[in-house]
């Protein structure tokens, strides 16, 4: 796998990203890496798909992470997808194309109505957790923890990869990661 530079990725060191990215027991070894781009390619070469997805979701700019998550969710839509899930997907994409508090709150409301195990709901929650306060409007502000957008985006991508034929999970991870890498190159 080539190690082409990914200019849109965060310049933070993996040691700063890994604790929030949910790598579990592998975190110390991964955190020792000096370059997030190379670590991403290494994880992919070892087919450590969830770790690669999590790293990418936490290193992309938040709008890109939400867009990537929503595109993976869109690809995984089923023919009988509930309308509330499709609405959540639309709200996530709406926040990316028109960022701001109204669209962020709309994403929160749509996610809360959607199936909580849906990639669409997780993409909408990623938009909601991208910044701003996470308590109801009018309450004293409570900022979204920095890592939650990436965590929800990664969850959306992982759920999308597992959404259909179990025999296609690895291929979906590869396709989704390739799409995220393309986004990071632009």
Protein backbone atom coordinates (compact mmCIF):
# COMPACT_ATOMS: atom_id res chain seq x y z
CA UNK A 1 0.00 0.00 0.00
CA UNK A 2 1.43 3.35 -0.94
CA UNK A 3 1.93 5.94 1.74
CA UNK A 4 0.79 9.01 -0.15
CA UNK A 5 0.52 12.09 2.05
CA UNK A 6 -2.95 13.00 3.21
CA UNK A 7 -2.87 16.79 3.61
CA UNK A 8 -6.32 17.12 5.19
CA UNK A 9 -5.50 14.88 8.16
CA UNK A 10 -4.79 16.41 11.51
CA UNK A 11 -1.15 17.09 12.25
CA UNK A 12 -1.62 15.88 15.82
CA UNK A 13 0.58 12.96 16.77
CA UNK A 14 -1.05 9.55 17.17
CA UNK A 15 -0.25 9.76 20.90
CA UNK A 16 -2.70 12.67 21.11
CA UNK A 17 -5.36 10.92 19.03
CA UNK A 18 -5.21 7.33 20.25
CA UNK A 19 -6.59 7.75 23.79
CA UNK A 20 -9.86 9.15 22.44
CA UNK A 21 -9.99 6.96 19.34
CA UNK A 22 -10.92 3.79 21.21
CA UNK A 23 -8.04 1.52 20.36
CA UNK A 24 -8.23 -0.35 23.67
CA UNK A 25 -5.21 -2.46 24.55
CA UNK A 26 -3.45 -1.65 21.28
CA UNK A 27 -3.42 2.08 22.08
CA UNK A 28 0.07 2.29 23.64
CA UNK A 29 1.78 0.65 20.67
CA UNK A 30 -0.24 2.67 18.17
CA UNK A 31 0.33 5.88 20.10
CA UNK A 32 4.08 5.40 19.74
CA UNK A 33 3.78 6.02 16.00
CA UNK A 34 5.09 9.40 14.89
CA UNK A 35 2.85 9.90 11.86
CA UNK A 36 -0.92 9.42 11.63
CA UNK A 37 -0.85 8.94 7.85
CA UNK A 38 1.71 6.15 8.02
CA UNK A 39 -0.11 4.59 10.96
CA UNK A 40 -3.34 4.59 8.94
CA UNK A 41 -1.67 2.81 6.02
CA UNK A 42 -0.02 0.33 8.42
CA UNK A 43 -3.35 -0.49 10.08
CA UNK A 44 -4.94 -1.03 6.69
CA UNK A 45 -2.08 -3.27 5.55
CA UNK A 46 -2.62 -5.38 8.67
CA UNK A 47 -6.38 -5.36 8.02
CA UNK A 48 -7.06 -3.80 11.40
CA UNK A 49 -10.19 -2.22 9.96
CA UNK A 50 -11.91 -0.81 13.08
CA UNK A 51 -8.66 0.79 14.28
CA UNK A 52 -8.04 2.30 10.83
CA UNK A 53 -11.60 3.64 10.65
CA UNK A 54 -11.31 5.15 14.11
CA UNK A 55 -7.97 6.77 13.37
CA UNK A 56 -9.24 8.27 10.12
CA UNK A 57 -12.47 9.53 11.70
CA UNK A 58 -10.50 11.24 14.47
CA UNK A 59 -7.94 12.84 12.17
CA UNK A 60 -10.18 14.17 9.40
CA UNK A 61 -11.58 17.67 9.91
CA UNK A 62 -14.98 17.31 11.58
CA UNK A 63 -17.07 18.27 8.53
CA UNK A 64 -15.13 15.74 6.46
CA UNK A 65 -15.56 13.03 9.10
CA UNK A 66 -19.32 13.64 9.15
CA UNK A 67 -19.49 13.67 5.34
CA UNK A 68 -17.50 10.42 5.15
CA UNK A 69 -19.73 8.78 7.77
CA UNK A 70 -22.88 9.92 5.99
CA UNK A 71 -21.64 8.68 2.61
CA UNK A 72 -20.86 5.26 4.11
CA UNK A 73 -24.30 5.25 5.72
CA UNK A 74 -25.89 6.19 2.38
CA UNK A 75 -24.12 3.32 0.63
CA UNK A 76 -25.38 0.89 3.27
CA UNK A 77 -29.05 1.93 3.02
CA UNK A 78 -31.42 -1.00 2.73
CA UNK A 79 -34.40 -1.07 0.37
CA UNK A 80 -36.73 -0.99 3.38
CA UNK A 81 -34.76 1.65 5.32
CA UNK A 82 -37.08 3.45 7.75
CA UNK A 83 -37.86 7.05 6.87
CA UNK A 84 -36.53 8.24 10.24
CA UNK A 85 -33.09 6.84 9.37
CA UNK A 86 -33.13 8.52 5.97
CA UNK A 87 -34.11 11.78 7.68
CA UNK A 88 -31.15 11.43 10.06
CA UNK A 89 -28.84 10.89 7.09
CA UNK A 90 -30.23 14.02 5.43
CA UNK A 91 -29.71 16.01 8.63
CA UNK A 92 -26.07 14.90 8.86
CA UNK A 93 -25.44 15.90 5.27
CA UNK A 94 -27.39 19.11 5.83
CA UNK A 95 -25.03 20.12 8.63
CA UNK A 96 -22.02 19.56 6.36
CA UNK A 97 -23.46 21.67 3.55
CA UNK A 98 -24.89 24.35 5.88
CA UNK A 99 -22.95 24.24 9.13
CA UNK A 100 -24.34 26.17 12.04
CA UNK A 101 -26.32 25.79 15.21
CA UNK A 102 -29.75 25.27 13.56
CA UNK A 103 -28.50 22.43 11.35
CA UNK A 104 -26.46 20.93 14.21
CA UNK A 105 -29.56 20.88 16.43
CA UNK A 106 -31.63 19.47 13.55
CA UNK A 107 -29.11 16.63 13.29
CA UNK A 108 -29.50 15.95 17.01
CA UNK A 109 -33.29 15.80 16.74
CA UNK A 110 -33.20 13.55 13.67
CA UNK A 111 -30.67 11.21 15.29
CA UNK A 112 -32.81 10.90 18.41
CA UNK A 113 -35.78 9.77 16.29
CA UNK A 114 -33.78 7.29 14.19
CA UNK A 115 -32.91 3.70 14.99
CA UNK A 116 -30.00 4.01 17.43
CA UNK A 117 -28.14 1.15 15.72
CA UNK A 118 -28.37 2.82 12.33
CA UNK A 119 -25.28 4.25 10.60
CA UNK A 120 -27.54 7.16 9.66
CA UNK A 121 -28.25 8.00 13.31
CA UNK A 122 -24.55 7.82 14.17
CA UNK A 123 -23.67 10.15 11.27
CA UNK A 124 -26.27 12.63 12.54
CA UNK A 125 -24.90 12.35 16.08
CA UNK A 126 -21.42 13.00 14.68
CA UNK A 127 -22.74 16.28 13.27
CA UNK A 128 -24.33 17.16 16.60
CA UNK A 129 -21.17 16.38 18.58
CA UNK A 130 -19.01 18.43 16.18
CA UNK A 131 -19.02 21.41 18.53
CA UNK A 132 -21.28 23.66 20.50
CA UNK A 133 -23.22 22.77 23.60
CA UNK A 134 -24.69 19.31 24.03
CA UNK A 135 -27.41 20.30 26.51
CA UNK A 136 -30.80 21.65 25.46
CA UNK A 137 -30.88 25.17 24.09
CA UNK A 138 -31.23 27.71 26.88
CA UNK A 139 -29.46 25.57 29.49
CA UNK A 140 -25.98 26.50 30.71
CA UNK A 141 -23.52 25.47 28.02
CA UNK A 142 -21.75 22.13 28.17
CA UNK A 143 -19.31 21.79 25.26
CA UNK A 144 -19.19 18.56 23.30
CA UNK A 145 -16.11 16.52 24.23
CA UNK A 146 -13.57 16.93 21.43
CA UNK A 147 -13.45 13.23 20.52
CA UNK A 148 -17.20 12.54 20.22
CA UNK A 149 -17.59 13.68 16.61
CA UNK A 150 -14.84 11.27 15.51
CA UNK A 151 -16.21 8.50 17.70
CA UNK A 152 -19.72 8.80 16.26
CA UNK A 153 -18.36 9.08 12.70
CA UNK A 154 -16.25 5.94 13.20
CA UNK A 155 -19.25 4.11 14.66
CA UNK A 156 -21.33 5.07 11.62
CA UNK A 157 -18.68 3.73 9.24
CA UNK A 158 -18.29 0.48 11.19
CA UNK A 159 -22.05 -0.08 11.33
CA UNK A 160 -22.28 0.64 7.61
CA UNK A 161 -19.53 -1.88 6.89
CA UNK A 162 -21.44 -4.55 8.82
CA UNK A 163 -24.88 -3.58 7.51
CA UNK A 164 -25.44 -6.36 5.01
CA UNK A 165 -23.78 -9.53 3.79
CA UNK A 166 -21.25 -10.68 6.44
CA UNK A 167 -19.03 -12.00 3.66
CA UNK A 168 -18.61 -8.45 2.34
CA UNK A 169 -17.53 -6.72 5.57
CA UNK A 170 -13.81 -6.68 4.74
CA UNK A 171 -14.46 -5.41 1.21
CA UNK A 172 -16.76 -2.70 2.59
CA UNK A 173 -14.13 -1.59 5.10
CA UNK A 174 -11.59 -1.34 2.31
CA UNK A 175 -14.00 0.60 0.08
CA UNK A 176 -15.03 2.94 2.88
CA UNK A 177 -11.43 3.58 3.95
CA UNK A 178 -10.43 4.23 0.33
CA UNK A 179 -13.22 6.81 0.17
CA UNK A 180 -12.08 8.45 3.39
CA UNK A 181 -8.50 8.55 2.15
CA UNK A 182 -9.64 10.16 -1.10
CA UNK A 183 -11.44 12.80 0.97
CA UNK A 184 -8.24 13.38 2.99
CA UNK A 185 -6.28 13.94 -0.23
CA UNK A 186 -8.59 16.64 -1.62
